Amino acid sequence: RGGRGEGAAGSTNLTTFIVAAQLHHKLVNMKAAIIFACLLAVAFARPDVSIVRQDADVQPEGFNFDVETSDGTQHASSGVLQNVGSDHEAIAIKGSYSWVDEKTGEKFTVTYVADENGFQPQGAHLPVAPEA
């Protein structure tokens, strides 16, 4: 009873499914290629940034570091070794870094301390936790 017709319909459904799966696979690959190409274009569109100033002084008891790049980014930090010779020997670092927003021209600065209490950043643009 219509065995042949049902087989043909089943074959058509299977063929349609396979074609749809192959098309979906090609579209996913194409989307991935387009996204990759866009990211590559953005990466190469940015102007090269060069270091315009760099100073570093590293000693056994601490360090000073200062760098500035051609896009206005700056980073300065100094660290001092604390509790020398004890089980709690650690380095305490104070510093700041800043950058200029490319779109608005606004300069952002973060000052920080990193010591036994962790990384403690401060900046006018950073959210502040409510007082307890």
Foldseek 3Di string as FASTA:
>chain_A
DCPVVVVVVVVVVVVVVVVVVVVVVVVVVVVVVVVVVVVVCVVVVDDDKAKPDWDKDDDPQKIWIWTAIPQGKIKIKIWGWPPPPDPQTDIKMWIKIWGADPPPRDIWMWTWIADPVGIDIDTPPDDDDDDD
